[in-house]
Amino acid sequence: MKFPLGKKGLVLLGAIGGAAAFWRVRSKRREQEEREWEAEVAEAIEQGQAAGAAVTEGS
């Protein structure tokens, strides 16, 4: 099978494919980190509300 742009075109196609795969993995990792951070913030808010409620009930 003959590639239209030759060896350089094939290398370029591989580089573009590799960059796209890297970008996808990085994007998914970033989304996962954002979800984890949001969960930590939500948990901290809940703990703060519980602590505030405990202090006001104790007074």
PDB file of N, CA and C in Angstrom:
ATOM      1  N   MET A   1       0.841  -1.176   0.000  1.00  0.00           N
ATOM      2  CA  MET A   1       0.000   0.000   0.000  1.00  0.00           C
ATOM      3  C   MET A   1       0.884   1.236   0.000  1.00  0.00           C
ATOM      4  N   LYS A   2       0.604   2.143  -0.885  1.00  0.00           N
ATOM      5  CA  LYS A   2       1.409   3.355  -1.006  1.00  0.00           C
ATOM      6  C   LYS A   2       0.735   4.494  -0.241  1.00  0.00           C
ATOM      7  N   PHE A   3       1.509   5.182   0.574  1.00  0.00           N
ATOM      8  CA  PHE A   3       0.996   6.305   1.342  1.00  0.00           C
ATOM      9  C   PHE A   3       1.196   7.574   0.520  1.00  0.00           C
ATOM     10  N   PRO A   4       0.180   8.433   0.395  1.00  0.00           N
ATOM     11  CA  PRO A   4       0.243   9.583  -0.511  1.00  0.00           C
ATOM     12  C   PRO A   4       1.408  10.545  -0.262  1.00  0.00           C
ATOM     13  N   LEU A   5       1.746  10.808   0.958  1.00  0.00           N
ATOM     14  CA  LEU A   5       2.789  11.796   1.245  1.00  0.00           C
ATOM     15  C   LEU A   5       4.136  11.150   1.559  1.00  0.00           C
ATOM     16  N   GLY A   6       4.221   9.869   1.421  1.00  0.00           N
ATOM     17  CA  GLY A   6       5.477   9.176   1.650  1.00  0.00           C
ATOM     18  C   GLY A   6       5.783   8.984   3.125  1.00  0.00           C
ATOM     19  N   LYS A   7       7.054   8.743   3.376  1.00  0.00           N
ATOM     20  CA  LYS A   7       7.507   8.454   4.735  1.00  0.00           C
ATOM     21  C   LYS A   7       7.278   9.633   5.682  1.00  0.00           C
ATOM     22  N   LYS A   8       7.546  10.851   5.208  1.00  0.00           N
ATOM     23  CA  LYS A   8       7.367  12.032   6.056  1.00  0.00           C
ATOM     24  C   LYS A   8       5.899  12.223   6.416  1.00  0.00           C
ATOM     25  N   GLY A   9       5.015  11.962   5.488  1.00  0.00           N
ATOM     26  CA  GLY A   9       3.584  12.079   5.752  1.00  0.00           C
ATOM     27  C   GLY A   9       3.118  11.066   6.779  1.00  0.00           C
ATOM     28  N   LEU A  10       3.670   9.860   6.681  1.00  0.00           N
ATOM     29  CA  LEU A  10       3.317   8.816   7.639  1.00  0.00           C
ATOM     30  C   LEU A  10       3.802   9.180   9.046  1.00  0.00           C
ATOM     31  N   VAL A  11       4.995   9.728   9.146  1.00  0.00           N
ATOM     32  CA  VAL A  11       5.526  10.164  10.440  1.00  0.00           C
ATOM     33  C   VAL A  11       4.674  11.305  11.000  1.00  0.00           C
ATOM     34  N   LEU A  12       4.286  12.244  10.132  1.00  0.00           N
ATOM     35  CA  LEU A  12       3.443  13.354  10.554  1.00  0.00           C
ATOM     36  C   LEU A  12       2.092  12.850  11.050  1.00  0.00           C
ATOM     37  N   LEU A  13       1.517  11.894  10.353  1.00  0.00           N
ATOM     38  CA  LEU A  13       0.245  11.318  10.760  1.00  0.00           C
ATOM     39  C   LEU A  13       0.373  10.648  12.136  1.00  0.00           C
ATOM     40  N   GLY A  14       1.467   9.944  12.370  1.00  0.00           N
ATOM     41  CA  GLY A  14       1.712   9.314  13.668  1.00  0.00           C
ATOM     42  C   GLY A  14       1.859  10.337  14.779  1.00  0.00           C
ATOM     43  N   ALA A  15       2.553  11.439  14.473  1.00  0.00           N
ATOM     44  CA  ALA A  15       2.742  12.490  15.470  1.00  0.00           C
ATOM     45  C   ALA A  15       1.406  13.146  15.833  1.00  0.00           C
ATOM     46  N   ILE A  16       0.591  13.373  14.835  1.00  0.00           N
ATOM     47  CA  ILE A  16      -0.717  13.977  15.087  1.00  0.00           C
ATOM     48  C   ILE A  16      -1.590  13.032  15.907  1.00  0.00           C
ATOM     49  N   GLY A  17      -1.562  11.763  15.572  1.00  0.00           N
ATOM     50  CA  GLY A  17      -2.327  10.765  16.331  1.00  0.00           C
ATOM     51  C   GLY A  17      -1.856  10.666  17.773  1.00  0.00           C
ATOM     52  N   GLY A  18      -0.555  10.690  17.971  1.00  0.00           N
ATOM     53  CA  GLY A  18      -0.005  10.643  19.321  1.00  0.00           C
ATOM     54  C   GLY A  18      -0.386  11.864  20.126  1.00  0.00           C
ATOM     55  N   ALA A  19      -0.355  13.032  19.495  1.00  0.00           N
ATOM     56  CA  ALA A  19      -0.733  14.265  20.186  1.00  0.00           C
ATOM     57  C   ALA A  19      -2.211  14.230  20.575  1.00  0.00           C
ATOM     58  N   ALA A  20      -3.045  13.716  19.688  1.00  0.00           N
ATOM     59  CA  ALA A  20      -4.480  13.631  19.988  1.00  0.00           C
ATOM     60  C   ALA A  20      -4.728  12.678  21.156  1.00  0.00           C
ATOM     61  N   ALA A  21      -4.046  11.552  21.180  1.00  0.00           N
ATOM     62  CA  ALA A  21      -4.204  10.594  22.275  1.00  0.00           C
ATOM     63  C   ALA A  21      -3.739  11.217  23.590  1.00  0.00           C
ATOM     64  N   PHE A  22      -2.610  11.909  23.563  1.00  0.00           N
ATOM     65  CA  PHE A  22      -2.091  12.578  24.757  1.00  0.00           C
ATOM     66  C   PHE A  22      -3.089  13.611  25.260  1.00  0.00           C
ATOM     67  N   TRP A  23      -3.679  14.387  24.345  1.00  0.00           N
ATOM     68  CA  TRP A  23      -4.633  15.420  24.713  1.00  0.00           C
ATOM     69  C   TRP A  23      -5.866  14.809  25.370  1.00  0.00           C
ATOM     70  N   ARG A  24      -6.349  13.676  24.833  1.00  0.00           N
ATOM     71  CA  ARG A  24      -7.516  13.011  25.422  1.00  0.00           C
ATOM     72  C   ARG A  24      -7.231  12.523  26.832  1.00  0.00           C
ATOM     73  N   VAL A  25      -6.090  11.879  27.018  1.00  0.00           N
ATOM     74  CA  VAL A  25      -5.735  11.355  28.337  1.00  0.00           C
ATOM     75  C   VAL A  25      -5.595  12.501  29.335  1.00  0.00           C
ATOM     76  N   ARG A  26      -4.960  13.558  28.903  1.00  0.00           N
ATOM     77  CA  ARG A  26      -4.770  14.714  29.784  1.00  0.00           C
ATOM     78  C   ARG A  26      -6.111  15.343  30.147  1.00  0.00           C
ATOM     79  N   SER A  27      -7.016  15.432  29.195  1.00  0.00           N
ATOM     80  CA  SER A  27      -8.338  15.991  29.434  1.00  0.00           C
ATOM     81  C   SER A  27      -9.119  15.141  30.440  1.00  0.00           C
ATOM     82  N   LYS A  28      -9.072  13.826  30.280  1.00  0.00           N
ATOM     83  CA  LYS A  28      -9.774  12.936  31.208  1.00  0.00           C
ATOM     84  C   LYS A  28      -9.183  13.035  32.602  1.00  0.00           C
ATOM     85  N   ARG A  29      -7.866  13.124  32.691  1.00  0.00           N
ATOM     86  CA  ARG A  29      -7.213  13.241  34.000  1.00  0.00           C
ATOM     87  C   ARG A  29      -7.618  14.548  34.672  1.00  0.00           C
ATOM     88  N   ARG A  30      -7.681  15.621  33.900  1.00  0.00           N
ATOM     89  CA  ARG A  30      -8.072  16.912  34.446  1.00  0.00           C
ATOM     90  C   ARG A  30      -9.510  16.882  34.957  1.00  0.00           C
ATOM     91  N   GLU A  31     -10.407  16.230  34.207  1.00  0.00           N
ATOM     92  CA  GLU A  31     -11.795  16.105  34.637  1.00  0.00           C
ATOM     93  C   GLU A  31     -11.896  15.308  35.943  1.00  0.00           C
ATOM     94  N   GLN A  32     -11.115  14.246  36.055  1.00  0.00           N
ATOM     95  CA  GLN A  32     -11.120  13.424  37.265  1.00  0.00           C
ATOM     96  C   GLN A  32     -10.634  14.243  38.461  1.00  0.00           C
ATOM     97  N   GLU A  33      -9.574  15.012  38.266  1.00  0.00           N
ATOM     98  CA  GLU A  33      -9.053  15.844  39.347  1.00  0.00           C
ATOM     99  C   GLU A  33     -10.080  16.891  39.774  1.00  0.00           C
ATOM    100  N   GLU A  34     -10.818  17.463  38.803  1.00  0.00           N
ATOM    101  CA  GLU A  34     -11.847  18.441  39.125  1.00  0.00           C
ATOM    102  C   GLU A  34     -12.973  17.806  39.945  1.00  0.00           C
ATOM    103  N   ARG A  35     -13.389  16.593  39.576  1.00  0.00           N
ATOM    104  CA  ARG A  35     -14.449  15.908  40.326  1.00  0.00           C
ATOM    105  C   ARG A  35     -13.988  15.618  41.751  1.00  0.00           C
ATOM    106  N   GLU A  36     -12.745  15.175  41.909  1.00  0.00           N
ATOM    107  CA  GLU A  36     -12.218  14.892  43.243  1.00  0.00           C
ATOM    108  C   GLU A  36     -12.165  16.169  44.080  1.00  0.00           C
ATOM    109  N   TRP A  37     -11.736  17.278  43.471  1.00  0.00           N
ATOM    110  CA  TRP A  37     -11.635  18.539  44.193  1.00  0.00           C
ATOM    111  C   TRP A  37     -13.015  19.011  44.613  1.00  0.00           C
ATOM    112  N   GLU A  38     -14.002  18.902  43.711  1.00  0.00           N
ATOM    113  CA  GLU A  38     -15.364  19.312  44.045  1.00  0.00           C
ATOM    114  C   GLU A  38     -15.927  18.477  45.194  1.00  0.00           C
ATOM    115  N   ALA A  39     -15.605  17.190  45.212  1.00  0.00           N
ATOM    116  CA  ALA A  39     -16.075  16.315  46.289  1.00  0.00           C
ATOM    117  C   ALA A  39     -15.434  16.722  47.618  1.00  0.00           C
ATOM    118  N   GLU A  40     -14.160  17.061  47.596  1.00  0.00           N
ATOM    119  CA  GLU A  40     -13.482  17.491  48.813  1.00  0.00           C
ATOM    120  C   GLU A  40     -14.085  18.797  49.345  1.00  0.00           C
ATOM    121  N   VAL A  41     -14.377  19.722  48.445  1.00  0.00           N
ATOM    122  CA  VAL A  41     -14.969  20.997  48.855  1.00  0.00           C
ATOM    123  C   VAL A  41     -16.354  20.764  49.451  1.00  0.00           C
ATOM    124  N   ALA A  42     -17.160  19.922  48.813  1.00  0.00           N
ATOM    125  CA  ALA A  42     -18.502  19.625  49.318  1.00  0.00           C
ATOM    126  C   ALA A  42     -18.425  18.981  50.700  1.00  0.00           C
ATOM    127  N   GLU A  43     -17.470  18.076  50.887  1.00  0.00           N
ATOM    128  CA  GLU A  43     -17.311  17.425  52.193  1.00  0.00           C
ATOM    129  C   GLU A  43     -16.891  18.440  53.255  1.00  0.00           C
ATOM    130  N   ALA A  44     -15.994  19.345  52.902  1.00  0.00           N
ATOM    131  CA  ALA A  44     -15.557  20.363  53.854  1.00  0.00           C
ATOM    132  C   ALA A  44     -16.714  21.281  54.242  1.00  0.00           C
ATOM    133  N   ILE A  45     -17.557  21.612  53.274  1.00  0.00           N
ATOM    134  CA  ILE A  45     -18.721  22.454  53.566  1.00  0.00           C
ATOM    135  C   ILE A  45     -19.670  21.733  54.516  1.00  0.00           C
ATOM    136  N   GLU A  46     -19.918  20.469  54.256  1.00  0.00           N
ATOM    137  CA  GLU A  46     -20.802  19.682  55.133  1.00  0.00           C
ATOM    138  C   GLU A  46     -20.236  19.588  56.547  1.00  0.00           C
ATOM    139  N   GLN A  47     -18.928  19.378  56.659  1.00  0.00           N
ATOM    140  CA  GLN A  47     -18.305  19.306  57.976  1.00  0.00           C
ATOM    141  C   GLN A  47     -18.406  20.646  58.705  1.00  0.00           C
ATOM    142  N   GLY A  48     -18.228  21.726  57.958  1.00  0.00           N
ATOM    143  CA  GLY A  48     -18.346  23.051  58.561  1.00  0.00           C
ATOM    144  C   GLY A  48     -19.763  23.334  59.034  1.00  0.00           C
ATOM    145  N   GLN A  49     -20.743  22.938  58.240  1.00  0.00           N
ATOM    146  CA  GLN A  49     -22.139  23.139  58.642  1.00  0.00           C
ATOM    147  C   GLN A  49     -22.470  22.304  59.873  1.00  0.00           C
ATOM    148  N   ALA A  50     -21.970  21.068  59.908  1.00  0.00           N
ATOM    149  CA  ALA A  50     -22.230  20.197  61.069  1.00  0.00           C
ATOM    150  C   ALA A  50     -21.562  20.783  62.319  1.00  0.00           C
ATOM    151  N   ALA A  51     -20.356  21.295  62.165  1.00  0.00           N
ATOM    152  CA  ALA A  51     -19.661  21.881  63.311  1.00  0.00           C
ATOM    153  C   ALA A  51     -20.395  23.135  63.794  1.00  0.00           C
ATOM    154  N   GLY A  52     -20.857  23.939  62.855  1.00  0.00           N
ATOM    155  CA  GLY A  52     -21.609  25.144  63.237  1.00  0.00           C
ATOM    156  C   GLY A  52     -22.905  24.790  63.938  1.00  0.00           C
ATOM    157  N   ALA A  53     -23.587  23.761  63.459  1.00  0.00           N
ATOM    158  CA  ALA A  53     -24.829  23.333  64.094  1.00  0.00           C
ATOM    159  C   ALA A  53     -24.557  22.788  65.497  1.00  0.00           C
ATOM    160  N   ALA A  54     -23.457  22.076  65.660  1.00  0.00           N
ATOM    161  CA  ALA A  54     -23.123  21.510  66.970  1.00  0.00           C
ATOM    162  C   ALA A  54     -22.797  22.618  67.970  1.00  0.00           C
ATOM    163  N   VAL A  55     -22.145  23.656  67.509  1.00  0.00           N
ATOM    164  CA  VAL A  55     -21.787  24.770  68.400  1.00  0.00           C
ATOM    165  C   VAL A  55     -23.026  25.534  68.802  1.00  0.00           C
ATOM    166  N   THR A  56     -23.925  25.780  67.853  1.00  0.00           N
ATOM    167  CA  THR A  56     -25.127  26.560  68.187  1.00  0.00           C
ATOM    168  C   THR A  56     -26.093  25.753  69.058  1.00  0.00           C
ATOM    169  N   GLU A  57     -26.119  24.438  68.893  1.00  0.00           N
ATOM    170  CA  GLU A  57     -26.978  23.589  69.738  1.00  0.00           C
ATOM    171  C   GLU A  57     -26.419  23.495  71.159  1.00  0.00           C
ATOM    172  N   GLY A  58     -25.104  23.526  71.272  1.00  0.00           N
ATOM    173  CA  GLY A  58     -24.470  23.415  72.581  1.00  0.00           C
ATOM    174  C   GLY A  58     -24.595  24.674  73.416  1.00  0.00           C
ATOM    175  N   SER A  59     -24.808  25.822  72.793  1.00  0.00           N
ATOM    176  CA  SER A  59     -24.889  27.094  73.509  1.00  0.00           C
ATOM    177  C   SER A  59     -26.173  27.240  74.273  1.00  0.00           C
TER     178      SER A  59
END
